[in-house]
């Protein structure tokens, strides 16, 4: 029997998170960010939950994921559905979780080769 390491299907993985930020591919990020399963990690403008607006979610739509896992910060908070209506209209799935659950869920879906994007709100 031959054993081989499984290679992740995507290029990005979240290796750590705490109150200061998240580590993607071993690199620390201390501000809100968008983590696609493949490609470049992108800075995301909102720095507080109260600052969220439709334009922030339109930026996500441009990356064309099939599913968005929104990490709302240290605690679970649901943004107004009007903010992310454009994602639904574009037939992009949208799930809300606290940041710890979002990081775990993202890694599982990315390892399955799903076109997932983590939108992580890191409040400053």
PDB file of N, CA and C in Angstrom:
ATOM      1  N   UNK A   1       0.850  -1.168   0.000  1.00  0.00           N
ATOM      2  CA  UNK A   1       0.000   0.000   0.000  1.00  0.00           C
ATOM      3  C   UNK A   1       0.899   1.236   0.000  1.00  0.00           C
ATOM      4  N   UNK A   2       0.595   2.142  -0.873  1.00  0.00           N
ATOM      5  CA  UNK A   2       1.374   3.364  -0.991  1.00  0.00           C
ATOM      6  C   UNK A   2       0.627   4.502  -0.297  1.00  0.00           C
ATOM      7  N   UNK A   3       1.338   5.232   0.552  1.00  0.00           N
ATOM      8  CA  UNK A   3       0.754   6.388   1.218  1.00  0.00           C
ATOM      9  C   UNK A   3       1.296   7.652   0.592  1.00  0.00           C
ATOM     10  N   UNK A   4       0.409   8.593   0.321  1.00  0.00           N
ATOM     11  CA  UNK A   4       0.808   9.877  -0.227  1.00  0.00           C
ATOM     12  C   UNK A   4       0.094  10.974   0.535  1.00  0.00           C
ATOM     13  N   UNK A   5       0.737  12.103   0.660  1.00  0.00           N
ATOM     14  CA  UNK A   5       0.084  13.259   1.242  1.00  0.00           C
ATOM     15  C   UNK A   5      -0.950  13.790   0.268  1.00  0.00           C
ATOM     16  N   UNK A   6      -2.102  14.147   0.785  1.00  0.00           N
ATOM     17  CA  UNK A   6      -3.103  14.782  -0.055  1.00  0.00           C
ATOM     18  C   UNK A   6      -2.683  16.211  -0.320  1.00  0.00           C
ATOM     19  N   UNK A   7      -2.704  16.597  -1.556  1.00  0.00           N
ATOM     20  CA  UNK A   7      -2.419  17.968  -1.924  1.00  0.00           C
ATOM     21  C   UNK A   7      -3.724  18.741  -1.944  1.00  0.00           C
ATOM     22  N   UNK A   8      -3.764  19.901  -1.313  1.00  0.00           N
ATOM     23  CA  UNK A   8      -5.013  20.660  -1.352  1.00  0.00           C
ATOM     24  C   UNK A   8      -5.335  21.087  -2.782  1.00  0.00           C
ATOM     25  N   UNK A   9      -6.626  21.065  -3.105  1.00  0.00           N
ATOM     26  CA  UNK A   9      -7.063  21.442  -4.437  1.00  0.00           C
ATOM     27  C   UNK A   9      -6.887  22.932  -4.700  1.00  0.00           C
ATOM     28  N   UNK A  10      -7.075  23.718  -3.688  1.00  0.00           N
ATOM     29  CA  UNK A  10      -6.953  25.167  -3.828  1.00  0.00           C
ATOM     30  C   UNK A  10      -5.568  25.617  -3.437  1.00  0.00           C
ATOM     31  N   UNK A  11      -5.323  26.890  -3.578  1.00  0.00           N
ATOM     32  CA  UNK A  11      -4.011  27.408  -3.251  1.00  0.00           C
ATOM     33  C   UNK A  11      -3.926  28.041  -1.883  1.00  0.00           C
ATOM     34  N   UNK A  12      -5.050  28.374  -1.256  1.00  0.00           N
ATOM     35  CA  UNK A  12      -5.011  29.091   0.014  1.00  0.00           C
ATOM     36  C   UNK A  12      -5.580  28.248   1.142  1.00  0.00           C
ATOM     37  N   UNK A  13      -4.964  28.382   2.305  1.00  0.00           N
ATOM     38  CA  UNK A  13      -5.529  27.763   3.499  1.00  0.00           C
ATOM     39  C   UNK A  13      -5.279  28.684   4.682  1.00  0.00           C
ATOM     40  N   UNK A  14      -6.202  28.653   5.608  1.00  0.00           N
ATOM     41  CA  UNK A  14      -6.103  29.469   6.817  1.00  0.00           C
ATOM     42  C   UNK A  14      -5.523  28.576   7.899  1.00  0.00           C
ATOM     43  N   UNK A  15      -4.328  28.933   8.370  1.00  0.00           N
ATOM     44  CA  UNK A  15      -3.636  28.075   9.318  1.00  0.00           C
ATOM     45  C   UNK A  15      -3.845  28.464  10.774  1.00  0.00           C
ATOM     46  N   UNK A  16      -4.318  29.693  11.006  1.00  0.00           N
ATOM     47  CA  UNK A  16      -4.448  30.153  12.389  1.00  0.00           C
ATOM     48  C   UNK A  16      -5.336  31.387  12.434  1.00  0.00           C
ATOM     49  N   UNK A  17      -5.981  31.586  13.573  1.00  0.00           N
ATOM     50  CA  UNK A  17      -6.742  32.811  13.806  1.00  0.00           C
ATOM     51  C   UNK A  17      -6.738  33.104  15.294  1.00  0.00           C
ATOM     52  N   UNK A  18      -6.784  34.362  15.638  1.00  0.00           N
ATOM     53  CA  UNK A  18      -6.927  34.792  17.029  1.00  0.00           C
ATOM     54  C   UNK A  18      -7.529  36.193  17.022  1.00  0.00           C
ATOM     55  N   UNK A  19      -7.526  36.856  18.149  1.00  0.00           N
ATOM     56  CA  UNK A  19      -8.148  38.184  18.231  1.00  0.00           C
ATOM     57  C   UNK A  19      -7.382  39.239  17.439  1.00  0.00           C
ATOM     58  N   UNK A  20      -6.169  38.963  17.061  1.00  0.00           N
ATOM     59  CA  UNK A  20      -5.352  39.918  16.314  1.00  0.00           C
ATOM     60  C   UNK A  20      -5.465  39.775  14.804  1.00  0.00           C
ATOM     61  N   UNK A  21      -5.905  38.616  14.324  1.00  0.00           N
ATOM     62  CA  UNK A  21      -6.009  38.437  12.886  1.00  0.00           C
ATOM     63  C   UNK A  21      -6.034  36.979  12.491  1.00  0.00           C
ATOM     64  N   UNK A  22      -5.749  36.731  11.214  1.00  0.00           N
ATOM     65  CA  UNK A  22      -5.704  35.375  10.674  1.00  0.00           C
ATOM     66  C   UNK A  22      -4.404  35.193   9.893  1.00  0.00           C
ATOM     67  N   UNK A  23      -3.990  33.942   9.773  1.00  0.00           N
ATOM     68  CA  UNK A  23      -2.804  33.598   9.011  1.00  0.00           C
ATOM     69  C   UNK A  23      -3.252  32.780   7.821  1.00  0.00           C
ATOM     70  N   UNK A  24      -2.951  33.284   6.632  1.00  0.00           N
ATOM     71  CA  UNK A  24      -3.283  32.594   5.393  1.00  0.00           C
ATOM     72  C   UNK A  24      -1.972  32.183   4.747  1.00  0.00           C
ATOM     73  N   UNK A  25      -1.836  30.894   4.498  1.00  0.00           N
ATOM     74  CA  UNK A  25      -0.595  30.364   3.926  1.00  0.00           C
ATOM     75  C   UNK A  25       0.615  30.786   4.753  1.00  0.00           C
ATOM     76  N   UNK A  26       0.433  30.861   6.067  1.00  0.00           N
ATOM     77  CA  UNK A  26       1.524  31.207   6.966  1.00  0.00           C
ATOM     78  C   UNK A  26       1.784  32.695   7.127  1.00  0.00           C
ATOM     79  N   UNK A  27       1.072  33.521   6.391  1.00  0.00           N
ATOM     80  CA  UNK A  27       1.261  34.980   6.454  1.00  0.00           C
ATOM     81  C   UNK A  27       0.183  35.619   7.325  1.00  0.00           C
ATOM     82  N   UNK A  28       0.583  36.475   8.288  1.00  0.00           N
ATOM     83  CA  UNK A  28      -0.420  37.119   9.140  1.00  0.00           C
ATOM     84  C   UNK A  28      -1.147  38.263   8.430  1.00  0.00           C
ATOM     85  N   UNK A  29      -2.427  38.399   8.751  1.00  0.00           N
ATOM     86  CA  UNK A  29      -3.254  39.498   8.237  1.00  0.00           C
ATOM     87  C   UNK A  29      -4.009  40.075   9.431  1.00  0.00           C
ATOM     88  N   UNK A  30      -3.874  41.380   9.647  1.00  0.00           N
ATOM     89  CA  UNK A  30      -4.485  42.013  10.814  1.00  0.00           C
ATOM     90  C   UNK A  30      -5.641  42.939  10.453  1.00  0.00           C
ATOM     91  N   UNK A  31      -6.045  42.936   9.215  1.00  0.00           N
ATOM     92  CA  UNK A  31      -7.186  43.737   8.764  1.00  0.00           C
ATOM     93  C   UNK A  31      -8.106  42.828   7.954  1.00  0.00           C
ATOM     94  N   UNK A  32      -9.339  43.248   7.768  1.00  0.00           N
ATOM     95  CA  UNK A  32     -10.327  42.459   7.036  1.00  0.00           C
ATOM     96  C   UNK A  32      -9.783  42.054   5.671  1.00  0.00           C
ATOM     97  N   UNK A  33     -10.174  40.854   5.239  1.00  0.00           N
ATOM     98  CA  UNK A  33      -9.641  40.345   3.980  1.00  0.00           C
ATOM     99  C   UNK A  33     -10.603  39.373   3.329  1.00  0.00           C
ATOM    100  N   UNK A  34     -10.362  39.170   2.032  1.00  0.00           N
ATOM    101  CA  UNK A  34     -11.085  38.196   1.222  1.00  0.00           C
ATOM    102  C   UNK A  34     -10.096  37.106   0.845  1.00  0.00           C
ATOM    103  N   UNK A  35     -10.464  35.865   1.134  1.00  0.00           N
ATOM    104  CA  UNK A  35      -9.574  34.737   0.860  1.00  0.00           C
ATOM    105  C   UNK A  35     -10.268  33.806  -0.132  1.00  0.00           C
ATOM    106  N   UNK A  36      -9.919  33.911  -1.425  1.00  0.00           N
ATOM    107  CA  UNK A  36     -10.481  32.970  -2.396  1.00  0.00           C
ATOM    108  C   UNK A  36      -9.772  31.621  -2.265  1.00  0.00           C
ATOM    109  N   UNK A  37     -10.413  30.559  -2.725  1.00  0.00           N
ATOM    110  CA  UNK A  37      -9.767  29.250  -2.601  1.00  0.00           C
ATOM    111  C   UNK A  37      -8.514  29.174  -3.459  1.00  0.00           C
ATOM    112  N   UNK A  38      -8.475  29.933  -4.532  1.00  0.00           N
ATOM    113  CA  UNK A  38      -7.287  30.033  -5.382  1.00  0.00           C
ATOM    114  C   UNK A  38      -7.053  31.499  -5.670  1.00  0.00           C
ATOM    115  N   UNK A  39      -5.806  31.868  -5.811  1.00  0.00           N
ATOM    116  CA  UNK A  39      -5.491  33.237  -6.186  1.00  0.00           C
ATOM    117  C   UNK A  39      -5.063  34.091  -5.007  1.00  0.00           C
ATOM    118  N   UNK A  40      -4.982  35.359  -5.284  1.00  0.00           N
ATOM    119  CA  UNK A  40      -4.442  36.317  -4.339  1.00  0.00           C
ATOM    120  C   UNK A  40      -5.430  36.672  -3.228  1.00  0.00           C
ATOM    121  N   UNK A  41      -4.912  36.730  -2.014  1.00  0.00           N
ATOM    122  CA  UNK A  41      -5.686  37.220  -0.879  1.00  0.00           C
ATOM    123  C   UNK A  41      -5.807  38.733  -1.048  1.00  0.00           C
ATOM    124  N   UNK A  42      -7.024  39.258  -0.836  1.00  0.00           N
ATOM    125  CA  UNK A  42      -7.315  40.659  -1.127  1.00  0.00           C
ATOM    126  C   UNK A  42      -7.738  41.382   0.151  1.00  0.00           C
ATOM    127  N   UNK A  43      -7.204  42.583   0.357  1.00  0.00           N
ATOM    128  CA  UNK A  43      -7.657  43.409   1.471  1.00  0.00           C
ATOM    129  C   UNK A  43      -9.120  43.764   1.247  1.00  0.00           C
ATOM    130  N   UNK A  44      -9.874  43.827   2.330  1.00  0.00           N
ATOM    131  CA  UNK A  44     -11.299  44.145   2.266  1.00  0.00           C
ATOM    132  C   UNK A  44     -11.532  45.376   3.124  1.00  0.00           C
ATOM    133  N   UNK A  45     -12.214  46.341   2.617  1.00  0.00           N
ATOM    134  CA  UNK A  45     -12.316  47.659   3.224  1.00  0.00           C
ATOM    135  C   UNK A  45     -12.953  47.752   4.613  1.00  0.00           C
ATOM    136  N   UNK A  46     -14.052  47.058   4.927  1.00  0.00           N
ATOM    137  CA  UNK A  46     -14.679  47.333   6.222  1.00  0.00           C
ATOM    138  C   UNK A  46     -13.781  46.959   7.397  1.00  0.00           C
ATOM    139  N   UNK A  47     -13.747  47.816   8.405  1.00  0.00           N
ATOM    140  CA  UNK A  47     -12.956  47.523   9.596  1.00  0.00           C
ATOM    141  C   UNK A  47     -13.841  47.361  10.835  1.00  0.00           C
ATOM    142  N   UNK A  48     -15.154  47.585  10.657  1.00  0.00           N
ATOM    143  CA  UNK A  48     -16.118  47.387  11.744  1.00  0.00           C
ATOM    144  C   UNK A  48     -17.428  46.883  11.149  1.00  0.00           C
ATOM    145  N   UNK A  49     -18.131  46.085  11.902  1.00  0.00           N
ATOM    146  CA  UNK A  49     -19.391  45.518  11.431  1.00  0.00           C
ATOM    147  C   UNK A  49     -20.360  46.617  11.003  1.00  0.00           C
ATOM    148  N   UNK A  50     -20.405  47.693  11.759  1.00  0.00           N
ATOM    149  CA  UNK A  50     -21.324  48.792  11.477  1.00  0.00           C
ATOM    150  C   UNK A  50     -20.996  49.524  10.173  1.00  0.00           C
ATOM    151  N   UNK A  51     -19.815  49.329   9.633  1.00  0.00           N
ATOM    152  CA  UNK A  51     -19.405  49.986   8.381  1.00  0.00           C
ATOM    153  C   UNK A  51     -19.821  49.218   7.122  1.00  0.00           C
ATOM    154  N   UNK A  52     -20.320  48.006   7.278  1.00  0.00           N
ATOM    155  CA  UNK A  52     -20.668  47.199   6.104  1.00  0.00           C
ATOM    156  C   UNK A  52     -21.702  47.914   5.243  1.00  0.00           C
ATOM    157  N   UNK A  53     -21.467  47.864   3.936  1.00  0.00           N
ATOM    158  CA  UNK A  53     -22.400  48.456   2.982  1.00  0.00           C
ATOM    159  C   UNK A  53     -22.422  47.601   1.712  1.00  0.00           C
ATOM    160  N   UNK A  54     -23.413  47.788   0.858  1.00  0.00           N
ATOM    161  CA  UNK A  54     -23.539  46.945  -0.339  1.00  0.00           C
ATOM    162  C   UNK A  54     -22.273  46.896  -1.200  1.00  0.00           C
ATOM    163  N   UNK A  55     -21.541  47.988  -1.293  1.00  0.00           N
ATOM    164  CA  UNK A  55     -20.326  48.007  -2.124  1.00  0.00           C
ATOM    165  C   UNK A  55     -19.300  46.972  -1.656  1.00  0.00           C
ATOM    166  N   UNK A  56     -19.250  46.704  -0.365  1.00  0.00           N
ATOM    167  CA  UNK A  56     -18.309  45.696   0.144  1.00  0.00           C
ATOM    168  C   UNK A  56     -18.653  44.310  -0.403  1.00  0.00           C
ATOM    169  N   UNK A  57     -19.926  44.030  -0.533  1.00  0.00           N
ATOM    170  CA  UNK A  57     -20.355  42.727  -1.034  1.00  0.00           C
ATOM    171  C   UNK A  57     -20.300  42.669  -2.560  1.00  0.00           C
ATOM    172  N   UNK A  58     -20.419  43.808  -3.212  1.00  0.00           N
ATOM    173  CA  UNK A  58     -20.230  43.854  -4.670  1.00  0.00           C
ATOM    174  C   UNK A  58     -18.786  43.499  -5.028  1.00  0.00           C
ATOM    175  N   UNK A  59     -17.836  43.903  -4.188  1.00  0.00           N
ATOM    176  CA  UNK A  59     -16.423  43.555  -4.420  1.00  0.00           C
ATOM    177  C   UNK A  59     -16.240  42.041  -4.379  1.00  0.00           C
ATOM    178  N   UNK A  60     -16.982  41.387  -3.519  1.00  0.00           N
ATOM    179  CA  UNK A  60     -16.930  39.924  -3.441  1.00  0.00           C
ATOM    180  C   UNK A  60     -17.474  39.310  -4.725  1.00  0.00           C
ATOM    181  N   UNK A  61     -18.580  39.845  -5.205  1.00  0.00           N
ATOM    182  CA  UNK A  61     -19.230  39.308  -6.404  1.00  0.00           C
ATOM    183  C   UNK A  61     -18.285  39.308  -7.601  1.00  0.00           C
ATOM    184  N   UNK A  62     -17.425  40.302  -7.686  1.00  0.00           N
ATOM    185  CA  UNK A  62     -16.478  40.390  -8.807  1.00  0.00           C
ATOM    186  C   UNK A  62     -15.493  39.220  -8.842  1.00  0.00           C
ATOM    187  N   UNK A  63     -15.264  38.580  -7.693  1.00  0.00           N
ATOM    188  CA  UNK A  63     -14.340  37.445  -7.632  1.00  0.00           C
ATOM    189  C   UNK A  63     -14.998  36.127  -8.044  1.00  0.00           C
ATOM    190  N   UNK A  64     -16.314  36.142  -8.247  1.00  0.00           N
ATOM    191  CA  UNK A  64     -17.098  35.032  -8.786  1.00  0.00           C
ATOM    192  C   UNK A  64     -16.961  33.713  -8.012  1.00  0.00           C
ATOM    193  N   UNK A  65     -17.127  33.743  -6.693  1.00  0.00           N
ATOM    194  CA  UNK A  65     -17.141  32.467  -5.971  1.00  0.00           C
ATOM    195  C   UNK A  65     -18.492  31.780  -6.127  1.00  0.00           C
ATOM    196  N   UNK A  66     -18.555  30.500  -5.801  1.00  0.00           N
ATOM    197  CA  UNK A  66     -19.861  29.832  -5.777  1.00  0.00           C
ATOM    198  C   UNK A  66     -20.481  29.929  -4.386  1.00  0.00           C
ATOM    199  N   UNK A  67     -19.628  30.155  -3.375  1.00  0.00           N
ATOM    200  CA  UNK A  67     -20.098  30.246  -2.003  1.00  0.00           C
ATOM    201  C   UNK A  67     -19.208  31.209  -1.218  1.00  0.00           C
ATOM    202  N   UNK A  68     -19.832  32.064  -0.421  1.00  0.00           N
ATOM    203  CA  UNK A  68     -19.113  32.992   0.452  1.00  0.00           C
ATOM    204  C   UNK A  68     -19.366  32.580   1.895  1.00  0.00           C
ATOM    205  N   UNK A  69     -18.279  32.426   2.649  1.00  0.00           N
ATOM    206  CA  UNK A  69     -18.368  32.183   4.081  1.00  0.00           C
ATOM    207  C   UNK A  69     -17.959  33.493   4.745  1.00  0.00           C
ATOM    208  N   UNK A  70     -18.936  34.174   5.346  1.00  0.00           N
ATOM    209  CA  UNK A  70     -18.700  35.475   5.973  1.00  0.00           C
ATOM    210  C   UNK A  70     -18.403  35.286   7.449  1.00  0.00           C
ATOM    211  N   UNK A  71     -17.196  35.663   7.862  1.00  0.00           N
ATOM    212  CA  UNK A  71     -16.807  35.637   9.269  1.00  0.00           C
ATOM    213  C   UNK A  71     -17.080  37.006   9.866  1.00  0.00           C
ATOM    214  N   UNK A  72     -18.098  37.089  10.735  1.00  0.00           N
ATOM    215  CA  UNK A  72     -18.589  38.374  11.238  1.00  0.00           C
ATOM    216  C   UNK A  72     -17.789  38.936  12.406  1.00  0.00           C
ATOM    217  N   UNK A  73     -16.658  38.341  12.719  1.00  0.00           N
ATOM    218  CA  UNK A  73     -15.848  38.794  13.850  1.00  0.00           C
ATOM    219  C   UNK A  73     -15.878  37.760  14.958  1.00  0.00           C
ATOM    220  N   UNK A  74     -15.539  38.178  16.160  1.00  0.00           N
ATOM    221  CA  UNK A  74     -15.445  37.254  17.287  1.00  0.00           C
ATOM    222  C   UNK A  74     -16.790  36.660  17.670  1.00  0.00           C
ATOM    223  N   UNK A  75     -17.864  37.380  17.392  1.00  0.00           N
ATOM    224  CA  UNK A  75     -19.194  36.836  17.698  1.00  0.00           C
ATOM    225  C   UNK A  75     -20.046  36.811  16.433  1.00  0.00           C
ATOM    226  N   UNK A  76     -21.045  35.948  16.456  1.00  0.00           N
ATOM    227  CA  UNK A  76     -21.936  35.786  15.314  1.00  0.00           C
ATOM    228  C   UNK A  76     -22.884  36.973  15.225  1.00  0.00           C
ATOM    229  N   UNK A  77     -22.834  37.669  14.075  1.00  0.00           N
ATOM    230  CA  UNK A  77     -23.735  38.794  13.798  1.00  0.00           C
ATOM    231  C   UNK A  77     -24.167  38.683  12.345  1.00  0.00           C
ATOM    232  N   UNK A  78     -25.441  38.887  12.110  1.00  0.00           N
ATOM    233  CA  UNK A  78     -25.978  38.756  10.762  1.00  0.00           C
ATOM    234  C   UNK A  78     -26.131  40.131  10.120  1.00  0.00           C
ATOM    235  N   UNK A  79     -25.455  40.363   8.983  1.00  0.00           N
ATOM    236  CA  UNK A  79     -25.646  41.636   8.292  1.00  0.00           C
ATOM    237  C   UNK A  79     -27.038  41.702   7.661  1.00  0.00           C
ATOM    238  N   UNK A  80     -27.531  42.894   7.493  1.00  0.00           N
ATOM    239  CA  UNK A  80     -28.827  43.115   6.856  1.00  0.00           C
ATOM    240  C   UNK A  80     -28.815  42.461   5.470  1.00  0.00           C
ATOM    241  N   UNK A  81     -29.807  41.637   5.147  1.00  0.00           N
ATOM    242  CA  UNK A  81     -29.842  40.968   3.842  1.00  0.00           C
ATOM    243  C   UNK A  81     -29.778  41.926   2.646  1.00  0.00           C
ATOM    244  N   UNK A  82     -30.210  43.160   2.821  1.00  0.00           N
ATOM    245  CA  UNK A  82     -30.126  44.126   1.719  1.00  0.00           C
ATOM    246  C   UNK A  82     -28.671  44.381   1.327  1.00  0.00           C
ATOM    247  N   UNK A  83     -27.746  44.205   2.262  1.00  0.00           N
ATOM    248  CA  UNK A  83     -26.329  44.436   1.969  1.00  0.00           C
ATOM    249  C   UNK A  83     -25.780  43.407   0.988  1.00  0.00           C
ATOM    250  N   UNK A  84     -26.194  42.179   1.119  1.00  0.00           N
ATOM    251  CA  UNK A  84     -25.639  41.114   0.273  1.00  0.00           C
ATOM    252  C   UNK A  84     -26.632  40.567  -0.748  1.00  0.00           C
ATOM    253  N   UNK A  85     -27.684  41.330  -1.007  1.00  0.00           N
ATOM    254  CA  UNK A  85     -28.694  40.940  -1.998  1.00  0.00           C
ATOM    255  C   UNK A  85     -28.078  40.642  -3.368  1.00  0.00           C
ATOM    256  N   UNK A  86     -27.075  41.424  -3.766  1.00  0.00           N
ATOM    257  CA  UNK A  86     -26.433  41.218  -5.067  1.00  0.00           C
ATOM    258  C   UNK A  86     -25.804  39.846  -5.200  1.00  0.00           C
ATOM    259  N   UNK A  87     -25.319  39.289  -4.100  1.00  0.00           N
ATOM    260  CA  UNK A  87     -24.757  37.934  -4.142  1.00  0.00           C
ATOM    261  C   UNK A  87     -25.851  36.911  -4.427  1.00  0.00           C
ATOM    262  N   UNK A  88     -26.967  37.052  -3.753  1.00  0.00           N
ATOM    263  CA  UNK A  88     -28.087  36.132  -3.958  1.00  0.00           C
ATOM    264  C   UNK A  88     -28.585  36.237  -5.395  1.00  0.00           C
ATOM    265  N   UNK A  89     -28.716  37.452  -5.886  1.00  0.00           N
ATOM    266  CA  UNK A  89     -29.181  37.644  -7.264  1.00  0.00           C
ATOM    267  C   UNK A  89     -28.214  37.048  -8.279  1.00  0.00           C
ATOM    268  N   UNK A  90     -26.934  36.994  -7.934  1.00  0.00           N
ATOM    269  CA  UNK A  90     -25.925  36.384  -8.809  1.00  0.00           C
ATOM    270  C   UNK A  90     -25.808  34.872  -8.568  1.00  0.00           C
ATOM    271  N   UNK A  91     -26.701  34.338  -7.716  1.00  0.00           N
ATOM    272  CA  UNK A  91     -26.732  32.914  -7.393  1.00  0.00           C
ATOM    273  C   UNK A  91     -25.458  32.455  -6.691  1.00  0.00           C
ATOM    274  N   UNK A  92     -24.935  33.299  -5.820  1.00  0.00           N
ATOM    275  CA  UNK A  92     -23.766  32.977  -5.003  1.00  0.00           C
ATOM    276  C   UNK A  92     -24.268  32.687  -3.592  1.00  0.00           C
ATOM    277  N   UNK A  93     -23.927  31.521  -3.071  1.00  0.00           N
ATOM    278  CA  UNK A  93     -24.335  31.151  -1.720  1.00  0.00           C
ATOM    279  C   UNK A  93     -23.674  32.056  -0.689  1.00  0.00           C
ATOM    280  N   UNK A  94     -24.343  32.267   0.434  1.00  0.00           N
ATOM    281  CA  UNK A  94     -23.833  33.163   1.467  1.00  0.00           C
ATOM    282  C   UNK A  94     -24.147  32.575   2.829  1.00  0.00           C
ATOM    283  N   UNK A  95     -23.113  32.308   3.619  1.00  0.00           N
ATOM    284  CA  UNK A  95     -23.270  31.756   4.966  1.00  0.00           C
ATOM    285  C   UNK A  95     -22.600  32.698   5.960  1.00  0.00           C
ATOM    286  N   UNK A  96     -23.229  32.902   7.100  1.00  0.00           N
ATOM    287  CA  UNK A  96     -22.711  33.785   8.145  1.00  0.00           C
ATOM    288  C   UNK A  96     -22.280  32.943   9.334  1.00  0.00           C
ATOM    289  N   UNK A  97     -21.073  33.225   9.846  1.00  0.00           N
ATOM    290  CA  UNK A  97     -20.522  32.505  10.996  1.00  0.00           C
ATOM    291  C   UNK A  97     -19.632  33.459  11.767  1.00  0.00           C
ATOM    292  N   UNK A  98     -19.270  33.081  12.992  1.00  0.00           N
ATOM    293  CA  UNK A  98     -18.219  33.851  13.649  1.00  0.00           C
ATOM    294  C   UNK A  98     -16.910  33.519  12.932  1.00  0.00           C
ATOM    295  N   UNK A  99     -15.871  34.270  13.201  1.00  0.00           N
ATOM    296  CA  UNK A  99     -14.649  34.124  12.402  1.00  0.00           C
ATOM    297  C   UNK A  99     -13.987  32.759  12.585  1.00  0.00           C
ATOM    298  N   UNK A 100     -14.063  32.181  13.794  1.00  0.00           N
ATOM    299  CA  UNK A 100     -13.458  30.867  14.025  1.00  0.00           C
ATOM    300  C   UNK A 100     -14.147  29.798  13.183  1.00  0.00           C
ATOM    301  N   UNK A 101     -15.473  29.788  13.195  1.00  0.00           N
ATOM    302  CA  UNK A 101     -16.224  28.813  12.402  1.00  0.00           C
ATOM    303  C   UNK A 101     -16.017  29.050  10.910  1.00  0.00           C
ATOM    304  N   UNK A 102     -15.954  30.311  10.505  1.00  0.00           N
ATOM    305  CA  UNK A 102     -15.746  30.635   9.087  1.00  0.00           C
ATOM    306  C   UNK A 102     -14.395  30.110   8.603  1.00  0.00           C
ATOM    307  N   UNK A 103     -13.366  30.253   9.411  1.00  0.00           N
ATOM    308  CA  UNK A 103     -12.037  29.758   9.021  1.00  0.00           C
ATOM    309  C   UNK A 103     -12.044  28.238   8.864  1.00  0.00           C
ATOM    310  N   UNK A 104     -12.645  27.546   9.811  1.00  0.00           N
ATOM    311  CA  UNK A 104     -12.713  26.079   9.734  1.00  0.00           C
ATOM    312  C   UNK A 104     -13.509  25.630   8.519  1.00  0.00           C
ATOM    313  N   UNK A 105     -14.667  26.235   8.322  1.00  0.00           N
ATOM    314  CA  UNK A 105     -15.534  25.849   7.200  1.00  0.00           C
ATOM    315  C   UNK A 105     -14.864  26.126   5.866  1.00  0.00           C
ATOM    316  N   UNK A 106     -14.230  27.296   5.764  1.00  0.00           N
ATOM    317  CA  UNK A 106     -13.498  27.640   4.539  1.00  0.00           C
ATOM    318  C   UNK A 106     -12.471  26.552   4.214  1.00  0.00           C
ATOM    319  N   UNK A 107     -11.663  26.166   5.197  1.00  0.00           N
ATOM    320  CA  UNK A 107     -10.613  25.174   4.945  1.00  0.00           C
ATOM    321  C   UNK A 107     -11.177  23.845   4.467  1.00  0.00           C
ATOM    322  N   UNK A 108     -12.278  23.412   5.052  1.00  0.00           N
ATOM    323  CA  UNK A 108     -12.894  22.150   4.626  1.00  0.00           C
ATOM    324  C   UNK A 108     -13.368  22.260   3.182  1.00  0.00           C
ATOM    325  N   UNK A 109     -14.095  23.321   2.876  1.00  0.00           N
ATOM    326  CA  UNK A 109     -14.627  23.483   1.515  1.00  0.00           C
ATOM    327  C   UNK A 109     -13.509  23.666   0.484  1.00  0.00           C
ATOM    328  N   UNK A 110     -12.491  24.449   0.826  1.00  0.00           N
ATOM    329  CA  UNK A 110     -11.371  24.646  -0.102  1.00  0.00           C
ATOM    330  C   UNK A 110     -10.630  23.335  -0.346  1.00  0.00           C
ATOM    331  N   UNK A 111     -10.478  22.507   0.701  1.00  0.00           N
ATOM    332  CA  UNK A 111      -9.780  21.230   0.536  1.00  0.00           C
ATOM    333  C   UNK A 111     -10.561  20.275  -0.359  1.00  0.00           C
ATOM    334  N   UNK A 112     -11.869  20.500  -0.474  1.00  0.00           N
ATOM    335  CA  UNK A 112     -12.712  19.698  -1.371  1.00  0.00           C
ATOM    336  C   UNK A 112     -12.705  20.233  -2.795  1.00  0.00           C
ATOM    337  N   UNK A 113     -11.972  21.331  -3.019  1.00  0.00           N
ATOM    338  CA  UNK A 113     -11.903  21.904  -4.354  1.00  0.00           C
ATOM    339  C   UNK A 113     -13.070  22.799  -4.700  1.00  0.00           C
ATOM    340  N   UNK A 114     -13.833  23.217  -3.696  1.00  0.00           N
ATOM    341  CA  UNK A 114     -14.977  24.098  -3.930  1.00  0.00           C
ATOM    342  C   UNK A 114     -14.496  25.518  -4.177  1.00  0.00           C
ATOM    343  N   UNK A 115     -15.190  26.229  -5.019  1.00  0.00           N
ATOM    344  CA  UNK A 115     -14.868  27.627  -5.309  1.00  0.00           C
ATOM    345  C   UNK A 115     -15.479  28.498  -4.206  1.00  0.00           C
ATOM    346  N   UNK A 116     -14.838  28.466  -3.049  1.00  0.00           N
ATOM    347  CA  UNK A 116     -15.317  29.159  -1.863  1.00  0.00           C
ATOM    348  C   UNK A 116     -14.465  30.397  -1.622  1.00  0.00           C
ATOM    349  N   UNK A 117     -15.064  31.374  -0.992  1.00  0.00           N
ATOM    350  CA  UNK A 117     -14.351  32.594  -0.626  1.00  0.00           C
ATOM    351  C   UNK A 117     -14.693  32.924   0.815  1.00  0.00           C
ATOM    352  N   UNK A 118     -13.669  33.172   1.632  1.00  0.00           N
ATOM    353  CA  UNK A 118     -13.888  33.617   3.011  1.00  0.00           C
ATOM    354  C   UNK A 118     -13.798  35.134   3.033  1.00  0.00           C
ATOM    355  N   UNK A 119     -14.859  35.766   3.508  1.00  0.00           N
ATOM    356  CA  UNK A 119     -14.883  37.214   3.724  1.00  0.00           C
ATOM    357  C   UNK A 119     -14.781  37.401   5.231  1.00  0.00           C
ATOM    358  N   UNK A 120     -13.595  37.790   5.688  1.00  0.00           N
ATOM    359  CA  UNK A 120     -13.326  37.813   7.121  1.00  0.00           C
ATOM    360  C   UNK A 120     -13.230  39.230   7.631  1.00  0.00           C
ATOM    361  N   UNK A 121     -14.127  39.573   8.541  1.00  0.00           N
ATOM    362  CA  UNK A 121     -14.156  40.899   9.143  1.00  0.00           C
ATOM    363  C   UNK A 121     -13.279  40.881  10.387  1.00  0.00           C
ATOM    364  N   UNK A 122     -12.173  41.593  10.314  1.00  0.00           N
ATOM    365  CA  UNK A 122     -11.253  41.723  11.446  1.00  0.00           C
ATOM    366  C   UNK A 122     -11.388  43.154  11.939  1.00  0.00           C
ATOM    367  N   UNK A 123     -12.044  43.297  13.071  1.00  0.00           N
ATOM    368  CA  UNK A 123     -12.337  44.639  13.575  1.00  0.00           C
ATOM    369  C   UNK A 123     -11.120  45.231  14.275  1.00  0.00           C
ATOM    370  N   UNK A 124     -10.898  46.516  14.005  1.00  0.00           N
ATOM    371  CA  UNK A 124      -9.774  47.238  14.609  1.00  0.00           C
ATOM    372  C   UNK A 124     -10.296  48.297  15.519  1.00  0.00           C
TER     373      UNK A 124
END
